[in-house]
Amino acid sequence: MEIVLFTPENLLSSLPQFVALLQDTVNGGASVGFLPPLDSHTAEAYWRGVVTDGVILLAVMEEGRVVGTVQLALAEKANARHRAEVQKLMVLTEFRGRGIARRLMERLEEIAVEHGRSLLVLDTRRGDVAESLYHKLGYIEAGAIPLFALSANGELHDTVILYKPLKIEEPK
């Protein structure tokens, strides 16, 4: 497995794989901003807008196939350049349980530090597998917003807000 940084250029060449990953994630019930069934046109439109200034897209490749991804949105406002937001951690269903999400998050944290970020924030649906992973990785719950995310069955779920301070190495 290899973790690759995607740009607008190399994202387009792998666009069908990113579309399939998003569809697999959404249609599997994950709360990443879409409801199932997710059509390919909506998924493609989403990915075409992802790699912009301030958003870093990482993907795990296995034998030339995109099997997992995560995004880091770098805050650009003058009073926020110390922080970034973790977005859309996804792993193909058939590849889950292999440590891919953990590896993506560890690399994302390294990149955040390289960009001078000392604080990461994210949100996730209460009770999702991702919530447990984030806690294991040292993320701290700041609070929850009740009835925040709608699921395919019409039920509303709480969203948990998490953060993690990062250690920035001082120049020697």
N, C-alpha and C. Protein backbone atom coordinates (compact mmCIF):
# COMPACT_ATOMS: atom_id res chain seq x y z
N MET A 1 0.83 -1.18 0.00
CA MET A 1 0.00 0.00 0.00
C MET A 1 0.87 1.24 0.00
N GLU A 2 0.41 2.23 -0.73
CA GLU A 2 1.14 3.48 -0.85
C GLU A 2 0.16 4.62 -0.63
N ILE A 3 0.58 5.64 0.13
CA ILE A 3 -0.23 6.83 0.31
C ILE A 3 0.22 7.88 -0.69
N VAL A 4 -0.72 8.37 -1.49
CA VAL A 4 -0.43 9.29 -2.59
C VAL A 4 -1.15 10.61 -2.35
N LEU A 5 -0.45 11.71 -2.63
CA LEU A 5 -1.05 13.04 -2.60
C LEU A 5 -1.67 13.29 -3.97
N PHE A 6 -2.96 13.62 -3.99
CA PHE A 6 -3.63 13.86 -5.26
C PHE A 6 -3.79 15.34 -5.53
N THR A 7 -3.58 15.71 -6.78
CA THR A 7 -3.72 17.07 -7.28
C THR A 7 -4.86 17.06 -8.31
N PRO A 8 -5.29 18.23 -8.79
CA PRO A 8 -6.34 18.21 -9.82
C PRO A 8 -5.98 17.34 -11.03
N GLU A 9 -4.70 17.32 -11.38
CA GLU A 9 -4.28 16.55 -12.55
C GLU A 9 -4.38 15.05 -12.34
N ASN A 10 -3.80 14.55 -11.26
CA ASN A 10 -3.84 13.10 -11.08
C ASN A 10 -5.18 12.62 -10.52
N LEU A 11 -5.97 13.51 -9.95
CA LEU A 11 -7.32 13.12 -9.52
C LEU A 11 -8.18 12.77 -10.72
N LEU A 12 -8.09 13.55 -11.77
CA LEU A 12 -8.90 13.28 -12.97
C LEU A 12 -8.60 11.93 -13.58
N SER A 13 -7.34 11.52 -13.55
CA SER A 13 -6.99 10.22 -14.14
C SER A 13 -7.53 9.06 -13.31
N SER A 14 -7.82 9.30 -12.04
CA SER A 14 -8.35 8.25 -11.16
C SER A 14 -9.79 8.53 -10.74
N LEU A 15 -10.44 9.46 -11.41
CA LEU A 15 -11.78 9.90 -11.02
C LEU A 15 -12.78 8.76 -10.87
N PRO A 16 -12.85 7.80 -11.79
CA PRO A 16 -13.81 6.70 -11.61
C PRO A 16 -13.60 5.91 -10.32
N GLN A 17 -12.35 5.78 -9.88
CA GLN A 17 -12.08 5.05 -8.63
C GLN A 17 -12.55 5.86 -7.42
N PHE A 18 -12.36 7.17 -7.47
CA PHE A 18 -12.83 8.02 -6.37
C PHE A 18 -14.35 8.01 -6.32
N VAL A 19 -14.99 8.03 -7.48
CA VAL A 19 -16.46 7.95 -7.55
C VAL A 19 -16.93 6.65 -6.91
N ALA A 20 -16.29 5.53 -7.27
CA ALA A 20 -16.67 4.22 -6.72
C ALA A 20 -16.48 4.18 -5.21
N LEU A 21 -15.40 4.78 -4.71
CA LEU A 21 -15.14 4.82 -3.27
C LEU A 21 -16.24 5.60 -2.55
N LEU A 22 -16.59 6.76 -3.07
CA LEU A 22 -17.63 7.57 -2.43
C LEU A 22 -18.97 6.84 -2.46
N GLN A 23 -19.30 6.22 -3.58
CA GLN A 23 -20.55 5.47 -3.67
C GLN A 23 -20.56 4.30 -2.68
N ASP A 24 -19.47 3.58 -2.60
CA ASP A 24 -19.37 2.45 -1.66
C ASP A 24 -19.57 2.94 -0.22
N THR A 25 -18.96 4.06 0.11
CA THR A 25 -19.04 4.61 1.45
C THR A 25 -20.45 5.06 1.79
N VAL A 26 -21.04 5.83 0.89
CA VAL A 26 -22.39 6.36 1.13
C VAL A 26 -23.42 5.25 1.11
N ASN A 27 -23.33 4.39 0.11
CA ASN A 27 -24.31 3.31 0.00
C ASN A 27 -24.17 2.30 1.12
N GLY A 28 -23.01 2.30 1.80
CA GLY A 28 -22.80 1.45 2.96
C GLY A 28 -23.29 2.07 4.26
N GLY A 29 -23.82 3.28 4.18
CA GLY A 29 -24.43 3.91 5.35
C GLY A 29 -23.60 4.94 6.07
N ALA A 30 -22.41 5.25 5.58
CA ALA A 30 -21.58 6.25 6.26
C ALA A 30 -22.17 7.64 6.10
N SER A 31 -21.94 8.47 7.10
CA SER A 31 -22.44 9.84 7.10
C SER A 31 -21.32 10.76 6.63
N VAL A 32 -21.24 10.97 5.32
CA VAL A 32 -20.22 11.86 4.76
C VAL A 32 -20.84 12.95 3.89
N GLY A 33 -22.07 13.31 4.22
CA GLY A 33 -22.70 14.43 3.53
C GLY A 33 -23.66 14.06 2.41
N PHE A 34 -23.81 12.80 2.12
CA PHE A 34 -24.69 12.34 1.04
C PHE A 34 -25.63 11.27 1.58
N LEU A 35 -26.72 11.04 0.86
CA LEU A 35 -27.65 9.96 1.21
C LEU A 35 -27.67 8.92 0.10
N PRO A 36 -27.82 7.65 0.47
CA PRO A 36 -27.90 6.60 -0.56
C PRO A 36 -29.28 6.58 -1.20
N PRO A 37 -29.37 6.08 -2.39
CA PRO A 37 -28.26 5.65 -3.25
C PRO A 37 -27.61 6.86 -3.90
N LEU A 38 -26.30 6.88 -3.93
CA LEU A 38 -25.55 7.99 -4.52
C LEU A 38 -25.27 7.69 -5.98
N ASP A 39 -25.74 8.55 -6.86
CA ASP A 39 -25.52 8.32 -8.29
C ASP A 39 -24.13 8.82 -8.69
N SER A 40 -23.63 8.29 -9.78
CA SER A 40 -22.26 8.59 -10.21
C SER A 40 -22.08 10.04 -10.63
N HIS A 41 -23.12 10.68 -11.16
CA HIS A 41 -22.99 12.09 -11.57
C HIS A 41 -22.77 12.99 -10.36
N THR A 42 -23.52 12.75 -9.28
CA THR A 42 -23.35 13.54 -8.05
C THR A 42 -21.98 13.28 -7.45
N ALA A 43 -21.57 12.02 -7.41
CA ALA A 43 -20.25 11.68 -6.85
C ALA A 43 -19.13 12.31 -7.68
N GLU A 44 -19.23 12.26 -8.98
CA GLU A 44 -18.20 12.85 -9.84
C GLU A 44 -18.13 14.36 -9.65
N ALA A 45 -19.29 15.01 -9.59
CA ALA A 45 -19.32 16.46 -9.38
C ALA A 45 -18.65 16.82 -8.05
N TYR A 46 -18.89 16.03 -7.04
CA TYR A 46 -18.25 16.27 -5.75
C TYR A 46 -16.73 16.23 -5.88
N TRP A 47 -16.21 15.13 -6.45
CA TRP A 47 -14.76 14.98 -6.55
C TRP A 47 -14.12 16.05 -7.41
N ARG A 48 -14.78 16.49 -8.45
CA ARG A 48 -14.21 17.54 -9.30
C ARG A 48 -14.00 18.84 -8.53
N GLY A 49 -14.76 19.04 -7.48
CA GLY A 49 -14.63 20.26 -6.69
C GLY A 49 -13.76 20.13 -5.46
N VAL A 50 -13.20 18.96 -5.22
CA VAL A 50 -12.46 18.72 -3.98
C VAL A 50 -11.10 19.38 -3.95
N VAL A 51 -10.28 19.14 -4.92
CA VAL A 51 -8.89 19.60 -4.86
C VAL A 51 -8.83 21.07 -5.28
N THR A 52 -8.91 21.91 -4.27
CA THR A 52 -8.85 23.35 -4.48
C THR A 52 -7.74 23.89 -3.59
N ASP A 53 -7.52 25.20 -3.67
CA ASP A 53 -6.53 25.80 -2.78
C ASP A 53 -6.92 25.51 -1.34
N GLY A 54 -5.97 25.06 -0.58
CA GLY A 54 -6.21 24.84 0.84
C GLY A 54 -6.75 23.47 1.18
N VAL A 55 -7.01 22.59 0.21
CA VAL A 55 -7.49 21.24 0.51
C VAL A 55 -6.45 20.24 0.01
N ILE A 56 -6.01 19.38 0.92
CA ILE A 56 -5.03 18.34 0.59
C ILE A 56 -5.78 17.01 0.56
N LEU A 57 -5.63 16.28 -0.53
CA LEU A 57 -6.30 14.99 -0.71
C LEU A 57 -5.26 13.88 -0.73
N LEU A 58 -5.41 12.96 0.22
CA LEU A 58 -4.54 11.78 0.29
C LEU A 58 -5.36 10.55 -0.05
N ALA A 59 -4.73 9.59 -0.70
CA ALA A 59 -5.40 8.33 -0.98
C ALA A 59 -4.41 7.18 -0.81
N VAL A 60 -4.93 6.07 -0.33
CA VAL A 60 -4.15 4.85 -0.27
C VAL A 60 -4.40 4.09 -1.56
N MET A 61 -3.30 3.73 -2.21
CA MET A 61 -3.37 2.97 -3.45
C MET A 61 -2.86 1.56 -3.18
N GLU A 62 -3.59 0.59 -3.69
CA GLU A 62 -3.14 -0.79 -3.63
C GLU A 62 -3.29 -1.37 -5.02
N GLU A 63 -2.15 -1.76 -5.60
CA GLU A 63 -2.12 -2.30 -6.95
C GLU A 63 -2.83 -1.38 -7.93
N GLY A 64 -2.55 -0.07 -7.83
CA GLY A 64 -3.10 0.92 -8.74
C GLY A 64 -4.55 1.29 -8.48
N ARG A 65 -5.11 0.83 -7.38
CA ARG A 65 -6.52 1.07 -7.07
C ARG A 65 -6.65 1.96 -5.83
N VAL A 66 -7.54 2.95 -5.89
CA VAL A 66 -7.84 3.80 -4.74
C VAL A 66 -8.69 3.00 -3.77
N VAL A 67 -8.15 2.76 -2.56
CA VAL A 67 -8.89 1.95 -1.57
C VAL A 67 -9.28 2.75 -0.33
N GLY A 68 -8.73 3.95 -0.19
CA GLY A 68 -9.08 4.79 0.94
C GLY A 68 -8.62 6.21 0.70
N THR A 69 -9.26 7.15 1.38
CA THR A 69 -8.91 8.55 1.18
C THR A 69 -9.29 9.38 2.40
N VAL A 70 -8.65 10.53 2.52
CA VAL A 70 -8.97 11.52 3.54
C VAL A 70 -8.53 12.89 3.02
N GLN A 71 -9.19 13.92 3.55
CA GLN A 71 -8.86 15.28 3.13
C GLN A 71 -8.47 16.12 4.33
N LEU A 72 -7.61 17.09 4.09
CA LEU A 72 -7.20 18.06 5.10
C LEU A 72 -7.48 19.44 4.52
N ALA A 73 -8.41 20.16 5.14
CA ALA A 73 -8.74 21.52 4.70
C ALA A 73 -7.99 22.50 5.59
N LEU A 74 -7.04 23.19 5.00
CA LEU A 74 -6.21 24.14 5.74
C LEU A 74 -6.98 25.45 5.91
N ALA A 75 -7.17 25.88 7.15
CA ALA A 75 -7.82 27.16 7.40
C ALA A 75 -6.91 28.27 6.88
N GLU A 76 -7.47 29.24 6.20
CA GLU A 76 -6.67 30.29 5.57
C GLU A 76 -6.84 31.66 6.20
N LYS A 77 -7.84 31.86 7.04
CA LYS A 77 -8.05 33.16 7.67
C LYS A 77 -6.87 33.48 8.59
N ALA A 78 -6.57 34.75 8.76
CA ALA A 78 -5.39 35.18 9.51
C ALA A 78 -5.35 34.61 10.93
N ASN A 79 -6.50 34.50 11.56
CA ASN A 79 -6.51 34.03 12.95
C ASN A 79 -6.67 32.52 13.06
N ALA A 80 -6.60 31.82 11.92
CA ALA A 80 -6.87 30.38 11.92
C ALA A 80 -5.77 29.55 11.27
N ARG A 81 -4.69 30.16 10.90
CA ARG A 81 -3.66 29.45 10.14
C ARG A 81 -2.91 28.40 10.96
N HIS A 82 -3.27 28.24 12.20
CA HIS A 82 -2.68 27.21 13.06
C HIS A 82 -3.51 25.92 13.04
N ARG A 83 -4.65 25.93 12.36
CA ARG A 83 -5.54 24.78 12.42
C ARG A 83 -5.96 24.30 11.03
N ALA A 84 -6.52 23.08 11.03
CA ALA A 84 -7.04 22.49 9.79
C ALA A 84 -8.17 21.54 10.17
N GLU A 85 -9.00 21.23 9.18
CA GLU A 85 -10.13 20.34 9.40
C GLU A 85 -9.93 19.03 8.64
N VAL A 86 -10.12 17.93 9.34
CA VAL A 86 -10.08 16.60 8.74
C VAL A 86 -11.46 16.35 8.13
N GLN A 87 -11.47 15.90 6.87
CA GLN A 87 -12.74 15.68 6.18
C GLN A 87 -12.72 14.36 5.42
N LYS A 88 -13.86 13.72 5.35
CA LYS A 88 -14.17 12.61 4.46
C LYS A 88 -13.16 11.46 4.51
N LEU A 89 -12.95 10.90 5.68
CA LEU A 89 -12.14 9.69 5.80
C LEU A 89 -12.99 8.52 5.30
N MET A 90 -12.51 7.83 4.27
CA MET A 90 -13.27 6.74 3.66
C MET A 90 -12.33 5.60 3.28
N VAL A 91 -12.82 4.37 3.48
CA VAL A 91 -12.09 3.18 3.05
C VAL A 91 -13.10 2.24 2.40
N LEU A 92 -12.73 1.68 1.26
CA LEU A 92 -13.61 0.71 0.60
C LEU A 92 -13.99 -0.40 1.57
N THR A 93 -15.23 -0.80 1.53
CA THR A 93 -15.75 -1.82 2.45
C THR A 93 -14.86 -3.05 2.51
N GLU A 94 -14.45 -3.55 1.37
CA GLU A 94 -13.67 -4.79 1.34
C GLU A 94 -12.26 -4.64 1.90
N PHE A 95 -11.82 -3.40 2.15
CA PHE A 95 -10.46 -3.16 2.67
C PHE A 95 -10.46 -2.70 4.12
N ARG A 96 -11.62 -2.62 4.74
CA ARG A 96 -11.70 -2.15 6.12
C ARG A 96 -11.11 -3.20 7.07
N GLY A 97 -10.62 -2.70 8.20
CA GLY A 97 -10.03 -3.58 9.20
C GLY A 97 -8.56 -3.89 8.96
N ARG A 98 -7.95 -3.21 8.01
CA ARG A 98 -6.53 -3.45 7.67
C ARG A 98 -5.61 -2.32 8.12
N GLY A 99 -6.15 -1.35 8.85
CA GLY A 99 -5.33 -0.23 9.32
C GLY A 99 -5.17 0.89 8.32
N ILE A 100 -5.93 0.88 7.26
CA ILE A 100 -5.81 1.90 6.22
C ILE A 100 -6.22 3.27 6.75
N ALA A 101 -7.34 3.34 7.46
CA ALA A 101 -7.80 4.63 8.00
C ALA A 101 -6.77 5.19 8.97
N ARG A 102 -6.22 4.34 9.81
CA ARG A 102 -5.20 4.78 10.77
C ARG A 102 -3.98 5.34 10.02
N ARG A 103 -3.52 4.63 9.01
CA ARG A 103 -2.34 5.10 8.26
C ARG A 103 -2.62 6.43 7.57
N LEU A 104 -3.83 6.57 7.01
CA LEU A 104 -4.20 7.84 6.38
C LEU A 104 -4.19 8.98 7.40
N MET A 105 -4.75 8.73 8.56
CA MET A 105 -4.82 9.77 9.59
C MET A 105 -3.43 10.13 10.11
N GLU A 106 -2.56 9.15 10.27
CA GLU A 106 -1.20 9.43 10.73
C GLU A 106 -0.45 10.27 9.71
N ARG A 107 -0.59 9.94 8.43
CA ARG A 107 0.08 10.73 7.38
C ARG A 107 -0.52 12.13 7.29
N LEU A 108 -1.84 12.22 7.43
CA LEU A 108 -2.50 13.52 7.39
C LEU A 108 -1.97 14.41 8.52
N GLU A 109 -1.78 13.84 9.70
CA GLU A 109 -1.26 14.61 10.82
C GLU A 109 0.16 15.09 10.55
N GLU A 110 0.98 14.25 9.93
CA GLU A 110 2.34 14.66 9.56
C GLU A 110 2.29 15.84 8.59
N ILE A 111 1.41 15.76 7.61
CA ILE A 111 1.29 16.84 6.62
C ILE A 111 0.78 18.12 7.28
N ALA A 112 -0.14 17.98 8.22
CA ALA A 112 -0.64 19.16 8.94
C ALA A 112 0.51 19.86 9.65
N VAL A 113 1.36 19.09 10.32
CA VAL A 113 2.51 19.67 11.01
C VAL A 113 3.45 20.32 10.00
N GLU A 114 3.69 19.67 8.86
CA GLU A 114 4.54 20.26 7.82
C GLU A 114 4.01 21.60 7.35
N HIS A 115 2.69 21.79 7.43
CA HIS A 115 2.06 23.05 7.04
C HIS A 115 1.88 24.00 8.23
N GLY A 116 2.55 23.68 9.34
CA GLY A 116 2.52 24.56 10.50
C GLY A 116 1.22 24.53 11.28
N ARG A 117 0.45 23.47 11.15
CA ARG A 117 -0.83 23.37 11.85
C ARG A 117 -0.63 22.66 13.18
N SER A 118 -1.16 23.26 14.24
CA SER A 118 -1.00 22.69 15.57
C SER A 118 -2.32 22.20 16.16
N LEU A 119 -3.40 22.32 15.40
CA LEU A 119 -4.70 21.87 15.88
C LEU A 119 -5.51 21.31 14.71
N LEU A 120 -6.04 20.10 14.90
CA LEU A 120 -6.95 19.51 13.92
C LEU A 120 -8.33 19.40 14.55
N VAL A 121 -9.35 19.61 13.72
CA VAL A 121 -10.73 19.47 14.15
C VAL A 121 -11.46 18.59 13.15
N LEU A 122 -12.52 17.94 13.62
CA LEU A 122 -13.34 17.12 12.73
C LEU A 122 -14.68 16.87 13.38
N ASP A 123 -15.61 16.38 12.60
CA ASP A 123 -16.88 15.94 13.16
C ASP A 123 -17.24 14.59 12.57
N THR A 124 -17.99 13.82 13.33
CA THR A 124 -18.41 12.49 12.90
C THR A 124 -19.74 12.15 13.57
N ARG A 125 -20.48 11.29 12.94
CA ARG A 125 -21.76 10.88 13.51
C ARG A 125 -21.53 10.06 14.78
N ARG A 126 -22.28 10.41 15.81
CA ARG A 126 -22.16 9.70 17.09
C ARG A 126 -22.41 8.21 16.88
N GLY A 127 -21.51 7.37 17.40
CA GLY A 127 -21.67 5.93 17.34
C GLY A 127 -21.06 5.26 16.12
N ASP A 128 -20.62 6.03 15.13
CA ASP A 128 -19.98 5.41 13.96
C ASP A 128 -18.63 4.80 14.34
N VAL A 129 -18.18 3.85 13.56
CA VAL A 129 -16.88 3.22 13.79
C VAL A 129 -15.78 4.28 13.79
N ALA A 130 -15.94 5.29 12.95
CA ALA A 130 -14.92 6.35 12.88
C ALA A 130 -14.74 7.06 14.22
N GLU A 131 -15.82 7.23 14.97
CA GLU A 131 -15.70 7.91 16.26
C GLU A 131 -14.73 7.17 17.17
N SER A 132 -14.84 5.86 17.21
CA SER A 132 -13.94 5.05 18.02
C SER A 132 -12.49 5.18 17.54
N LEU A 133 -12.30 5.16 16.23
CA LEU A 133 -10.95 5.31 15.68
C LEU A 133 -10.35 6.64 16.09
N TYR A 134 -11.11 7.71 15.95
CA TYR A 134 -10.58 9.04 16.28
C TYR A 134 -10.18 9.11 17.76
N HIS A 135 -10.97 8.53 18.63
CA HIS A 135 -10.60 8.52 20.06
C HIS A 135 -9.30 7.74 20.26
N LYS A 136 -9.15 6.60 19.59
CA LYS A 136 -7.92 5.80 19.71
C LYS A 136 -6.70 6.58 19.20
N LEU A 137 -6.92 7.49 18.25
CA LEU A 137 -5.82 8.28 17.70
C LEU A 137 -5.54 9.54 18.51
N GLY A 138 -6.25 9.69 19.63
CA GLY A 138 -5.97 10.82 20.52
C GLY A 138 -6.85 12.04 20.33
N TYR A 139 -7.91 11.92 19.55
CA TYR A 139 -8.83 13.05 19.38
C TYR A 139 -9.72 13.16 20.61
N ILE A 140 -10.01 14.38 20.98
CA ILE A 140 -10.75 14.69 22.20
C ILE A 140 -12.11 15.26 21.82
N GLU A 141 -13.14 14.79 22.51
CA GLU A 141 -14.48 15.28 22.22
C GLU A 141 -14.66 16.68 22.81
N ALA A 142 -15.09 17.62 21.96
CA ALA A 142 -15.37 18.97 22.41
C ALA A 142 -16.85 19.13 22.75
N GLY A 143 -17.67 18.31 22.14
CA GLY A 143 -19.11 18.39 22.36
C GLY A 143 -19.85 17.69 21.25
N ALA A 144 -21.15 17.82 21.27
CA ALA A 144 -21.98 17.19 20.24
C ALA A 144 -23.11 18.13 19.86
N ILE A 145 -23.55 18.01 18.63
CA ILE A 145 -24.71 18.74 18.14
C ILE A 145 -25.82 17.72 17.96
N PRO A 146 -26.90 17.85 18.72
CA PRO A 146 -27.99 16.88 18.58
C PRO A 146 -28.71 17.01 17.25
N LEU A 147 -29.19 15.87 16.74
CA LEU A 147 -30.07 15.84 15.57
C LEU A 147 -29.46 16.55 14.35
N PHE A 148 -28.18 16.35 14.13
CA PHE A 148 -27.43 17.10 13.12
C PHE A 148 -27.46 16.45 11.74
N ALA A 149 -27.32 15.14 11.68
CA ALA A 149 -27.16 14.45 10.40
C ALA A 149 -28.35 13.54 10.13
N LEU A 150 -28.86 13.62 8.93
CA LEU A 150 -29.99 12.80 8.49
C LEU A 150 -29.48 11.51 7.88
N SER A 151 -30.07 10.38 8.25
CA SER A 151 -29.69 9.11 7.64
C SER A 151 -30.71 8.73 6.58
N ALA A 152 -30.40 7.70 5.83
CA ALA A 152 -31.26 7.27 4.72
C ALA A 152 -32.65 6.88 5.19
N ASN A 153 -32.79 6.40 6.42
CA ASN A 153 -34.10 5.98 6.92
C ASN A 153 -34.89 7.14 7.53
N GLY A 154 -34.35 8.36 7.43
CA GLY A 154 -35.05 9.53 7.93
C GLY A 154 -34.75 9.87 9.38
N GLU A 155 -33.93 9.06 10.03
CA GLU A 155 -33.58 9.29 11.42
C GLU A 155 -32.50 10.37 11.52
N LEU A 156 -32.61 11.22 12.55
CA LEU A 156 -31.60 12.25 12.79
C LEU A 156 -30.62 11.75 13.85
N HIS A 157 -29.34 12.04 13.63
CA HIS A 157 -28.27 11.56 14.51
C HIS A 157 -27.46 12.74 15.03
N ASP A 158 -26.90 12.55 16.22
CA ASP A 158 -26.00 13.55 16.79
C ASP A 158 -24.67 13.50 16.05
N THR A 159 -24.03 14.66 15.97
CA THR A 159 -22.68 14.74 15.42
C THR A 159 -21.74 15.15 16.54
N VAL A 160 -20.62 14.47 16.63
CA VAL A 160 -19.62 14.72 17.66
C VAL A 160 -18.51 15.58 17.06
N ILE A 161 -18.13 16.63 17.77
CA ILE A 161 -17.04 17.50 17.36
C ILE A 161 -15.80 17.07 18.15
N LEU A 162 -14.72 16.79 17.43
CA LEU A 162 -13.48 16.32 18.04
C LEU A 162 -12.33 17.23 17.63
N TYR A 163 -11.28 17.25 18.46
CA TYR A 163 -10.09 18.02 18.13
C TYR A 163 -8.86 17.27 18.62
N LYS A 164 -7.73 17.64 18.04
CA LYS A 164 -6.46 17.06 18.47
C LYS A 164 -5.36 18.09 18.34
N PRO A 165 -4.72 18.44 19.47
CA PRO A 165 -3.54 19.31 19.39
C PRO A 165 -2.37 18.51 18.79
N LEU A 166 -1.60 19.14 17.95
CA LEU A 166 -0.43 18.50 17.35
C LEU A 166 0.83 19.18 17.87
N LYS A 167 1.89 18.42 17.99
CA LYS A 167 3.16 18.97 18.45
C LYS A 167 3.95 19.48 17.25
N ILE A 168 4.25 20.74 17.30
CA ILE A 168 5.06 21.37 16.26
C ILE A 168 6.49 21.44 16.79
N GLU A 169 7.41 20.88 16.03
CA GLU A 169 8.82 20.90 16.42
C GLU A 169 9.36 22.32 16.30
N GLU A 170 10.00 22.79 17.34
CA GLU A 170 10.64 24.10 17.32
C GLU A 170 11.95 24.00 16.54
N PRO A 171 12.26 25.01 15.70
CA PRO A 171 13.53 24.98 14.97
C PRO A 171 14.70 25.01 15.96
N LYS A 172 15.75 24.26 15.62
CA LYS A 172 16.92 24.17 16.53
C LYS A 172 17.93 25.23 16.19
